[in-house]
Amino acid sequence: MNHTAQELFEILNEQDECPWIEAKWGGDSSHSVMETVCSYANEPGLGGGYILMGMALDSTVLFPHYKIKGVADPDKFQRDFSTQCSGMFNIPIRPEVTVEKIYELKSYNLFAAKGKGKATYYIPGPGLNTEASGALSTGYSGDADPLSGHIDPHQG
């Protein structure tokens, strides 16, 4: 799986999000982004997935489509995202991050691939970060938790 941001943007507007591609608004590495990374790292047979940052769904038109809004502080986002991927899971996730232009606007193309073992996402909190929120998996209905029986967070 090796796609440019332009190709991914076209796929989004042809078929919407799918198990291996998601669009995210904003320029911060939010819990939603980290949950998606966790899902991509855990989905059996997927081999990873893409997140396009700086996207927004325009549903005010007859045929909704994604628009590029951009990322406010690209350098900060890239630093924060890489740091969180290496420290917010029980195993380090090393994503590929590229900044690409789509119709002259910059977008982030993030590819998160499977690591060794099941990735468990840790929610940051006061003091030491010791509470795991779970190992997530992805599908057409969105991210799923291990209680669904789809994956075993203790396997790996």
N, C-alpha and C. Protein backbone atom coordinates (compact mmCIF):
# COMPACT_ATOMS: atom_id res chain seq x y z
N MET A 1 0.85 -1.18 0.00
CA MET A 1 0.00 0.00 0.00
C MET A 1 0.89 1.23 0.00
N ASN A 2 0.92 1.93 -1.10
CA ASN A 2 1.73 3.13 -1.18
C ASN A 2 0.99 4.16 -2.02
N HIS A 3 0.33 5.09 -1.36
CA HIS A 3 -0.50 6.09 -2.04
C HIS A 3 -0.04 7.49 -1.71
N THR A 4 -0.20 8.40 -2.67
CA THR A 4 0.07 9.81 -2.42
C THR A 4 -1.14 10.43 -1.73
N ALA A 5 -0.93 11.60 -1.16
CA ALA A 5 -2.05 12.31 -0.53
C ALA A 5 -3.12 12.65 -1.56
N GLN A 6 -2.71 12.99 -2.76
CA GLN A 6 -3.67 13.31 -3.83
C GLN A 6 -4.54 12.09 -4.14
N GLU A 7 -3.94 10.91 -4.26
CA GLU A 7 -4.69 9.69 -4.53
C GLU A 7 -5.66 9.38 -3.38
N LEU A 8 -5.20 9.55 -2.16
CA LEU A 8 -6.04 9.28 -0.99
C LEU A 8 -7.21 10.26 -0.93
N PHE A 9 -6.95 11.52 -1.25
CA PHE A 9 -8.00 12.53 -1.27
C PHE A 9 -9.07 12.17 -2.30
N GLU A 10 -8.65 11.71 -3.46
CA GLU A 10 -9.60 11.30 -4.51
C GLU A 10 -10.41 10.08 -4.06
N ILE A 11 -9.77 9.13 -3.40
CA ILE A 11 -10.48 7.96 -2.88
C ILE A 11 -11.53 8.39 -1.86
N LEU A 12 -11.15 9.30 -0.95
CA LEU A 12 -12.10 9.81 0.05
C LEU A 12 -13.34 10.38 -0.61
N ASN A 13 -13.15 11.13 -1.68
CA ASN A 13 -14.29 11.78 -2.32
C ASN A 13 -15.06 10.85 -3.24
N GLU A 14 -14.48 9.72 -3.61
CA GLU A 14 -15.19 8.73 -4.42
C GLU A 14 -15.98 7.76 -3.56
N GLN A 15 -15.39 7.34 -2.43
CA GLN A 15 -16.03 6.28 -1.64
C GLN A 15 -16.14 6.56 -0.15
N ASP A 16 -15.63 7.67 0.35
CA ASP A 16 -15.64 8.03 1.76
C ASP A 16 -14.56 7.24 2.51
N GLU A 17 -14.56 7.35 3.83
CA GLU A 17 -13.58 6.64 4.64
C GLU A 17 -13.82 5.13 4.53
N CYS A 18 -12.76 4.37 4.77
CA CYS A 18 -12.84 2.91 4.71
C CYS A 18 -11.90 2.34 5.77
N PRO A 19 -11.80 1.04 5.92
CA PRO A 19 -10.95 0.49 6.99
C PRO A 19 -9.47 0.91 6.93
N TRP A 20 -8.98 1.34 5.78
CA TRP A 20 -7.56 1.68 5.68
C TRP A 20 -7.29 3.16 5.39
N ILE A 21 -8.33 4.00 5.40
CA ILE A 21 -8.11 5.43 5.22
C ILE A 21 -9.14 6.22 6.02
N GLU A 22 -8.65 7.22 6.77
CA GLU A 22 -9.53 8.12 7.53
C GLU A 22 -9.09 9.55 7.31
N ALA A 23 -10.05 10.44 7.35
CA ALA A 23 -9.80 11.88 7.25
C ALA A 23 -10.03 12.50 8.62
N LYS A 24 -9.13 13.36 9.03
CA LYS A 24 -9.26 14.03 10.33
C LYS A 24 -9.12 15.53 10.14
N TRP A 25 -9.93 16.25 10.88
CA TRP A 25 -9.89 17.71 10.90
C TRP A 25 -8.87 18.13 11.94
N GLY A 26 -8.37 19.31 11.82
CA GLY A 26 -7.51 19.88 12.87
C GLY A 26 -6.05 19.55 12.66
N GLY A 27 -5.28 20.11 13.51
CA GLY A 27 -3.85 19.94 13.40
C GLY A 27 -3.22 19.46 14.68
N ASP A 28 -4.03 18.85 15.54
CA ASP A 28 -3.43 18.32 16.76
C ASP A 28 -3.58 16.81 16.78
N SER A 29 -2.69 16.20 17.50
CA SER A 29 -2.66 14.75 17.60
C SER A 29 -3.61 14.33 18.73
N SER A 30 -4.89 14.30 18.42
CA SER A 30 -5.93 14.07 19.42
C SER A 30 -6.09 12.58 19.76
N HIS A 31 -6.94 12.32 20.74
CA HIS A 31 -7.24 10.93 21.10
C HIS A 31 -7.81 10.19 19.91
N SER A 32 -8.63 10.85 19.12
CA SER A 32 -9.22 10.22 17.95
C SER A 32 -8.15 9.75 16.96
N VAL A 33 -7.14 10.58 16.76
CA VAL A 33 -6.04 10.21 15.86
C VAL A 33 -5.27 9.03 16.43
N MET A 34 -4.97 9.07 17.73
CA MET A 34 -4.22 7.98 18.36
C MET A 34 -5.02 6.66 18.36
N GLU A 35 -6.32 6.76 18.54
CA GLU A 35 -7.16 5.55 18.48
C GLU A 35 -7.13 4.95 17.08
N THR A 36 -7.11 5.79 16.06
CA THR A 36 -7.04 5.30 14.70
C THR A 36 -5.69 4.62 14.44
N VAL A 37 -4.61 5.22 14.93
CA VAL A 37 -3.28 4.61 14.79
C VAL A 37 -3.29 3.23 15.46
N CYS A 38 -3.85 3.15 16.65
CA CYS A 38 -3.93 1.89 17.38
C CYS A 38 -4.72 0.85 16.57
N SER A 39 -5.82 1.28 15.99
CA SER A 39 -6.65 0.38 15.19
C SER A 39 -5.88 -0.15 13.98
N TYR A 40 -5.18 0.75 13.30
CA TYR A 40 -4.40 0.33 12.13
C TYR A 40 -3.30 -0.66 12.53
N ALA A 41 -2.69 -0.43 13.67
CA ALA A 41 -1.62 -1.31 14.12
C ALA A 41 -2.12 -2.69 14.52
N ASN A 42 -3.40 -2.79 14.85
CA ASN A 42 -3.94 -4.06 15.35
C ASN A 42 -4.80 -4.83 14.36
N GLU A 43 -5.20 -4.22 13.29
CA GLU A 43 -6.13 -4.89 12.38
C GLU A 43 -5.45 -6.05 11.65
N PRO A 44 -5.95 -7.28 11.86
CA PRO A 44 -5.34 -8.44 11.20
C PRO A 44 -5.41 -8.33 9.68
N GLY A 45 -4.28 -8.55 9.03
CA GLY A 45 -4.22 -8.57 7.58
C GLY A 45 -4.25 -7.22 6.89
N LEU A 46 -4.40 -6.14 7.63
CA LEU A 46 -4.50 -4.82 7.01
C LEU A 46 -3.12 -4.26 6.63
N GLY A 47 -2.13 -4.46 7.49
CA GLY A 47 -0.80 -3.95 7.20
C GLY A 47 -0.64 -2.46 7.42
N GLY A 48 -1.58 -1.84 8.11
CA GLY A 48 -1.50 -0.41 8.38
C GLY A 48 -2.61 0.34 7.67
N GLY A 49 -2.57 1.66 7.77
CA GLY A 49 -3.59 2.49 7.14
C GLY A 49 -3.16 3.94 7.12
N TYR A 50 -3.94 4.74 6.40
CA TYR A 50 -3.63 6.15 6.21
C TYR A 50 -4.59 7.05 6.97
N ILE A 51 -4.04 8.17 7.46
CA ILE A 51 -4.84 9.24 8.04
C ILE A 51 -4.47 10.51 7.28
N LEU A 52 -5.44 11.15 6.68
CA LEU A 52 -5.21 12.44 6.04
C LEU A 52 -5.64 13.53 7.02
N MET A 53 -4.69 14.34 7.45
CA MET A 53 -4.97 15.41 8.40
C MET A 53 -5.31 16.70 7.65
N GLY A 54 -6.11 17.53 8.30
CA GLY A 54 -6.47 18.82 7.72
C GLY A 54 -7.63 18.71 6.74
N MET A 55 -8.47 17.69 6.91
CA MET A 55 -9.62 17.47 6.03
C MET A 55 -10.91 17.79 6.76
N ALA A 56 -11.92 18.20 6.04
CA ALA A 56 -13.24 18.44 6.61
C ALA A 56 -14.29 18.00 5.59
N LEU A 57 -15.32 17.34 6.07
CA LEU A 57 -16.41 16.91 5.21
C LEU A 57 -17.39 18.06 5.05
N ASP A 58 -17.61 18.48 3.82
CA ASP A 58 -18.58 19.54 3.53
C ASP A 58 -19.91 18.87 3.24
N SER A 59 -20.79 18.90 4.21
CA SER A 59 -22.10 18.25 4.06
C SER A 59 -23.20 19.27 3.76
N THR A 60 -22.80 20.50 3.44
CA THR A 60 -23.79 21.54 3.14
C THR A 60 -24.22 21.52 1.68
N VAL A 61 -23.61 20.64 0.89
CA VAL A 61 -23.92 20.56 -0.54
C VAL A 61 -24.71 19.29 -0.82
N LEU A 62 -25.30 19.19 -2.00
CA LEU A 62 -26.11 18.03 -2.36
C LEU A 62 -25.31 16.73 -2.28
N PHE A 63 -24.08 16.75 -2.78
CA PHE A 63 -23.21 15.58 -2.71
C PHE A 63 -22.03 15.90 -1.81
N PRO A 64 -22.11 15.49 -0.52
CA PRO A 64 -21.03 15.82 0.42
C PRO A 64 -19.67 15.34 -0.08
N HIS A 65 -18.67 16.14 0.17
CA HIS A 65 -17.32 15.78 -0.22
C HIS A 65 -16.33 16.41 0.76
N TYR A 66 -15.09 15.88 0.74
CA TYR A 66 -14.06 16.38 1.63
C TYR A 66 -13.37 17.60 1.02
N LYS A 67 -13.05 18.55 1.89
CA LYS A 67 -12.30 19.74 1.51
C LYS A 67 -11.02 19.76 2.34
N ILE A 68 -10.02 20.41 1.80
CA ILE A 68 -8.74 20.54 2.49
C ILE A 68 -8.76 21.83 3.30
N LYS A 69 -8.60 21.71 4.60
CA LYS A 69 -8.56 22.87 5.48
C LYS A 69 -7.14 23.19 5.92
N GLY A 70 -6.25 22.21 5.85
CA GLY A 70 -4.86 22.42 6.23
C GLY A 70 -4.63 22.21 7.72
N VAL A 71 -3.36 22.24 8.10
CA VAL A 71 -2.93 22.05 9.48
C VAL A 71 -2.30 23.36 9.94
N ALA A 72 -2.77 23.89 11.07
CA ALA A 72 -2.36 25.22 11.54
C ALA A 72 -0.86 25.32 11.81
N ASP A 73 -0.29 24.39 12.57
CA ASP A 73 1.14 24.44 12.92
C ASP A 73 1.76 23.10 12.56
N PRO A 74 2.16 22.92 11.30
CA PRO A 74 2.65 21.63 10.82
C PRO A 74 3.84 21.08 11.60
N ASP A 75 4.80 21.93 11.96
CA ASP A 75 5.97 21.45 12.69
C ASP A 75 5.60 20.89 14.06
N LYS A 76 4.75 21.62 14.77
CA LYS A 76 4.30 21.16 16.10
C LYS A 76 3.52 19.86 15.97
N PHE A 77 2.63 19.79 14.98
CA PHE A 77 1.86 18.57 14.81
C PHE A 77 2.77 17.37 14.57
N GLN A 78 3.74 17.52 13.69
CA GLN A 78 4.62 16.41 13.35
C GLN A 78 5.42 15.95 14.57
N ARG A 79 5.93 16.90 15.35
CA ARG A 79 6.68 16.54 16.57
C ARG A 79 5.78 15.82 17.56
N ASP A 80 4.60 16.41 17.85
CA ASP A 80 3.68 15.82 18.82
C ASP A 80 3.21 14.43 18.39
N PHE A 81 2.86 14.30 17.12
CA PHE A 81 2.36 13.02 16.63
C PHE A 81 3.41 11.92 16.75
N SER A 82 4.63 12.20 16.32
CA SER A 82 5.71 11.20 16.40
C SER A 82 6.01 10.83 17.85
N THR A 83 6.04 11.83 18.73
CA THR A 83 6.31 11.57 20.14
C THR A 83 5.21 10.71 20.75
N GLN A 84 3.96 11.04 20.46
CA GLN A 84 2.84 10.27 21.01
C GLN A 84 2.83 8.84 20.48
N CYS A 85 3.14 8.65 19.22
CA CYS A 85 3.16 7.30 18.65
C CYS A 85 4.24 6.44 19.30
N SER A 86 5.34 7.06 19.70
CA SER A 86 6.41 6.26 20.31
C SER A 86 6.21 6.07 21.81
N GLY A 87 5.33 6.88 22.45
CA GLY A 87 5.21 6.78 23.90
C GLY A 87 3.84 6.48 24.47
N MET A 88 2.79 6.52 23.65
CA MET A 88 1.44 6.33 24.19
C MET A 88 0.90 4.92 24.01
N PHE A 89 1.76 4.02 23.57
CA PHE A 89 1.36 2.64 23.36
C PHE A 89 2.29 1.73 24.14
N ASN A 90 1.86 0.49 24.35
CA ASN A 90 2.72 -0.46 25.05
C ASN A 90 3.90 -0.89 24.18
N ILE A 91 3.79 -0.70 22.86
CA ILE A 91 4.90 -0.93 21.94
C ILE A 91 5.04 0.33 21.08
N PRO A 92 6.25 0.73 20.72
CA PRO A 92 6.41 1.94 19.90
C PRO A 92 5.82 1.74 18.50
N ILE A 93 5.10 2.75 18.03
CA ILE A 93 4.58 2.77 16.67
C ILE A 93 5.41 3.81 15.93
N ARG A 94 5.96 3.44 14.81
CA ARG A 94 6.80 4.34 14.02
C ARG A 94 6.09 4.67 12.71
N PRO A 95 5.26 5.72 12.71
CA PRO A 95 4.50 6.05 11.50
C PRO A 95 5.36 6.75 10.46
N GLU A 96 4.95 6.65 9.22
CA GLU A 96 5.54 7.43 8.14
C GLU A 96 4.70 8.69 8.01
N VAL A 97 5.34 9.85 8.06
CA VAL A 97 4.63 11.13 7.97
C VAL A 97 5.18 11.90 6.78
N THR A 98 4.29 12.29 5.87
CA THR A 98 4.71 13.13 4.75
C THR A 98 3.80 14.35 4.69
N VAL A 99 4.36 15.47 4.26
CA VAL A 99 3.59 16.67 4.02
C VAL A 99 3.53 16.82 2.51
N GLU A 100 2.32 16.82 1.97
CA GLU A 100 2.14 16.87 0.53
C GLU A 100 1.12 17.94 0.18
N LYS A 101 1.23 18.46 -1.03
CA LYS A 101 0.26 19.45 -1.50
C LYS A 101 -0.84 18.75 -2.28
N ILE A 102 -2.06 19.14 -1.98
CA ILE A 102 -3.22 18.71 -2.74
C ILE A 102 -3.88 19.99 -3.23
N TYR A 103 -3.92 20.19 -4.51
CA TYR A 103 -4.48 21.42 -5.07
C TYR A 103 -3.87 22.65 -4.41
N GLU A 104 -2.56 22.65 -4.26
CA GLU A 104 -1.79 23.78 -3.72
C GLU A 104 -1.96 24.01 -2.23
N LEU A 105 -2.68 23.15 -1.51
CA LEU A 105 -2.80 23.27 -0.06
C LEU A 105 -2.08 22.09 0.59
N LYS A 106 -1.40 22.35 1.71
CA LYS A 106 -0.65 21.30 2.37
C LYS A 106 -1.56 20.41 3.21
N SER A 107 -1.27 19.11 3.16
CA SER A 107 -1.97 18.13 3.97
C SER A 107 -0.96 17.13 4.50
N TYR A 108 -1.28 16.53 5.63
CA TYR A 108 -0.44 15.48 6.18
C TYR A 108 -0.96 14.14 5.73
N ASN A 109 -0.06 13.30 5.25
CA ASN A 109 -0.37 11.93 4.87
C ASN A 109 0.34 11.06 5.89
N LEU A 110 -0.40 10.45 6.79
CA LEU A 110 0.17 9.63 7.85
C LEU A 110 -0.09 8.17 7.56
N PHE A 111 0.94 7.35 7.62
CA PHE A 111 0.75 5.91 7.45
C PHE A 111 1.24 5.23 8.71
N ALA A 112 0.36 4.52 9.36
CA ALA A 112 0.71 3.78 10.58
C ALA A 112 0.64 2.30 10.26
N ALA A 113 1.73 1.60 10.46
CA ALA A 113 1.80 0.18 10.14
C ALA A 113 1.82 -0.67 11.40
N LYS A 114 1.57 -1.94 11.22
CA LYS A 114 1.53 -2.89 12.33
C LYS A 114 2.91 -3.03 12.97
N GLY A 115 2.92 -3.04 14.28
CA GLY A 115 4.14 -3.30 15.04
C GLY A 115 4.19 -4.77 15.44
N LYS A 116 5.10 -5.10 16.34
CA LYS A 116 5.17 -6.46 16.84
C LYS A 116 4.28 -6.57 18.06
N GLY A 117 3.33 -7.46 18.04
CA GLY A 117 2.38 -7.61 19.13
C GLY A 117 1.20 -6.68 18.96
N LYS A 118 0.29 -6.71 19.91
CA LYS A 118 -0.89 -5.85 19.88
C LYS A 118 -0.57 -4.53 20.56
N ALA A 119 -0.91 -3.44 19.90
CA ALA A 119 -0.68 -2.12 20.46
C ALA A 119 -1.84 -1.76 21.39
N THR A 120 -1.51 -1.35 22.60
CA THR A 120 -2.50 -0.89 23.56
C THR A 120 -2.32 0.60 23.75
N TYR A 121 -3.40 1.33 23.60
CA TYR A 121 -3.37 2.79 23.69
C TYR A 121 -3.53 3.22 25.14
N TYR A 122 -2.62 4.08 25.60
CA TYR A 122 -2.66 4.60 26.96
C TYR A 122 -3.19 6.02 26.96
N ILE A 123 -4.22 6.27 27.76
CA ILE A 123 -4.77 7.63 27.87
C ILE A 123 -3.94 8.39 28.89
N PRO A 124 -3.39 9.55 28.50
CA PRO A 124 -2.57 10.30 29.45
C PRO A 124 -3.41 10.85 30.60
N GLY A 125 -2.82 10.85 31.76
CA GLY A 125 -3.53 11.37 32.93
C GLY A 125 -2.54 11.92 33.92
N PRO A 126 -3.03 12.36 35.08
CA PRO A 126 -2.12 12.90 36.09
C PRO A 126 -1.19 11.81 36.61
N GLY A 127 0.03 12.19 36.90
CA GLY A 127 1.00 11.24 37.42
C GLY A 127 1.49 10.31 36.33
N LEU A 128 1.87 9.11 36.72
CA LEU A 128 2.36 8.14 35.76
C LEU A 128 1.22 7.61 34.90
N ASN A 129 1.52 7.35 33.68
CA ASN A 129 0.53 6.87 32.73
C ASN A 129 0.47 5.35 32.79
N THR A 130 -0.45 4.81 33.60
CA THR A 130 -0.49 3.37 33.78
C THR A 130 -1.81 2.74 33.39
N GLU A 131 -2.78 3.53 33.00
CA GLU A 131 -4.08 2.98 32.65
C GLU A 131 -4.22 2.80 31.14
N ALA A 132 -4.41 1.57 30.72
CA ALA A 132 -4.60 1.29 29.29
C ALA A 132 -6.07 1.43 28.96
N SER A 133 -6.34 2.03 27.80
CA SER A 133 -7.74 2.14 27.38
C SER A 133 -8.14 0.96 26.52
N GLY A 134 -7.19 0.20 26.01
CA GLY A 134 -7.52 -0.97 25.23
C GLY A 134 -6.82 -1.01 23.90
N ALA A 135 -6.88 -2.18 23.31
CA ALA A 135 -6.34 -2.38 21.97
C ALA A 135 -7.52 -2.26 21.02
N LEU A 136 -7.43 -1.37 20.06
CA LEU A 136 -8.53 -1.12 19.14
C LEU A 136 -8.26 -1.74 17.79
N SER A 137 -9.33 -2.04 17.09
CA SER A 137 -9.26 -2.56 15.74
C SER A 137 -10.16 -1.70 14.88
N THR A 138 -10.05 -1.79 13.57
CA THR A 138 -10.81 -0.92 12.69
C THR A 138 -11.71 -1.71 11.75
N GLY A 139 -12.69 -1.04 11.19
CA GLY A 139 -13.61 -1.66 10.24
C GLY A 139 -14.51 -0.61 9.65
N TYR A 140 -15.46 -1.02 8.82
CA TYR A 140 -16.34 -0.04 8.18
C TYR A 140 -17.20 0.70 9.20
N SER A 141 -17.43 0.09 10.34
CA SER A 141 -18.26 0.74 11.35
C SER A 141 -17.43 1.59 12.31
N GLY A 142 -16.14 1.73 12.06
CA GLY A 142 -15.29 2.54 12.92
C GLY A 142 -14.40 1.69 13.79
N ASP A 143 -13.73 2.32 14.75
CA ASP A 143 -12.82 1.62 15.64
C ASP A 143 -13.62 0.78 16.63
N ALA A 144 -13.12 -0.43 16.92
CA ALA A 144 -13.80 -1.34 17.83
C ALA A 144 -12.90 -1.66 19.00
N ASP A 145 -13.49 -1.89 20.16
CA ASP A 145 -12.67 -2.25 21.31
C ASP A 145 -12.56 -3.76 21.43
N PRO A 146 -11.61 -4.24 22.24
CA PRO A 146 -11.39 -5.67 22.34
C PRO A 146 -12.55 -6.43 22.97
N LEU A 147 -13.44 -5.72 23.66
CA LEU A 147 -14.59 -6.40 24.26
C LEU A 147 -15.55 -6.95 23.22
N SER A 148 -15.39 -6.47 21.98
CA SER A 148 -16.26 -6.96 20.90
C SER A 148 -15.89 -8.37 20.49
N GLY A 149 -14.73 -8.86 20.98
CA GLY A 149 -14.29 -10.19 20.61
C GLY A 149 -13.49 -10.22 19.32
N HIS A 150 -13.33 -9.08 18.69
CA HIS A 150 -12.64 -9.02 17.41
C HIS A 150 -11.13 -9.25 17.58
N ILE A 151 -10.54 -8.69 18.65
CA ILE A 151 -9.13 -8.91 18.90
C ILE A 151 -8.91 -9.17 20.37
N ASP A 152 -7.81 -9.78 20.69
CA ASP A 152 -7.44 -10.08 22.06
C ASP A 152 -6.25 -9.19 22.45
N PRO A 153 -6.46 -8.22 23.37
CA PRO A 153 -5.38 -7.30 23.71
C PRO A 153 -4.22 -7.97 24.42
N HIS A 154 -4.40 -9.20 24.90
CA HIS A 154 -3.35 -9.90 25.61
C HIS A 154 -2.54 -10.80 24.70
N GLN A 155 -2.97 -10.93 23.45
CA GLN A 155 -2.26 -11.77 22.49
C GLN A 155 -1.15 -10.96 21.85
N GLY A 156 -0.09 -11.57 21.45
CA GLY A 156 0.94 -10.84 20.72
C GLY A 156 2.23 -11.02 21.36
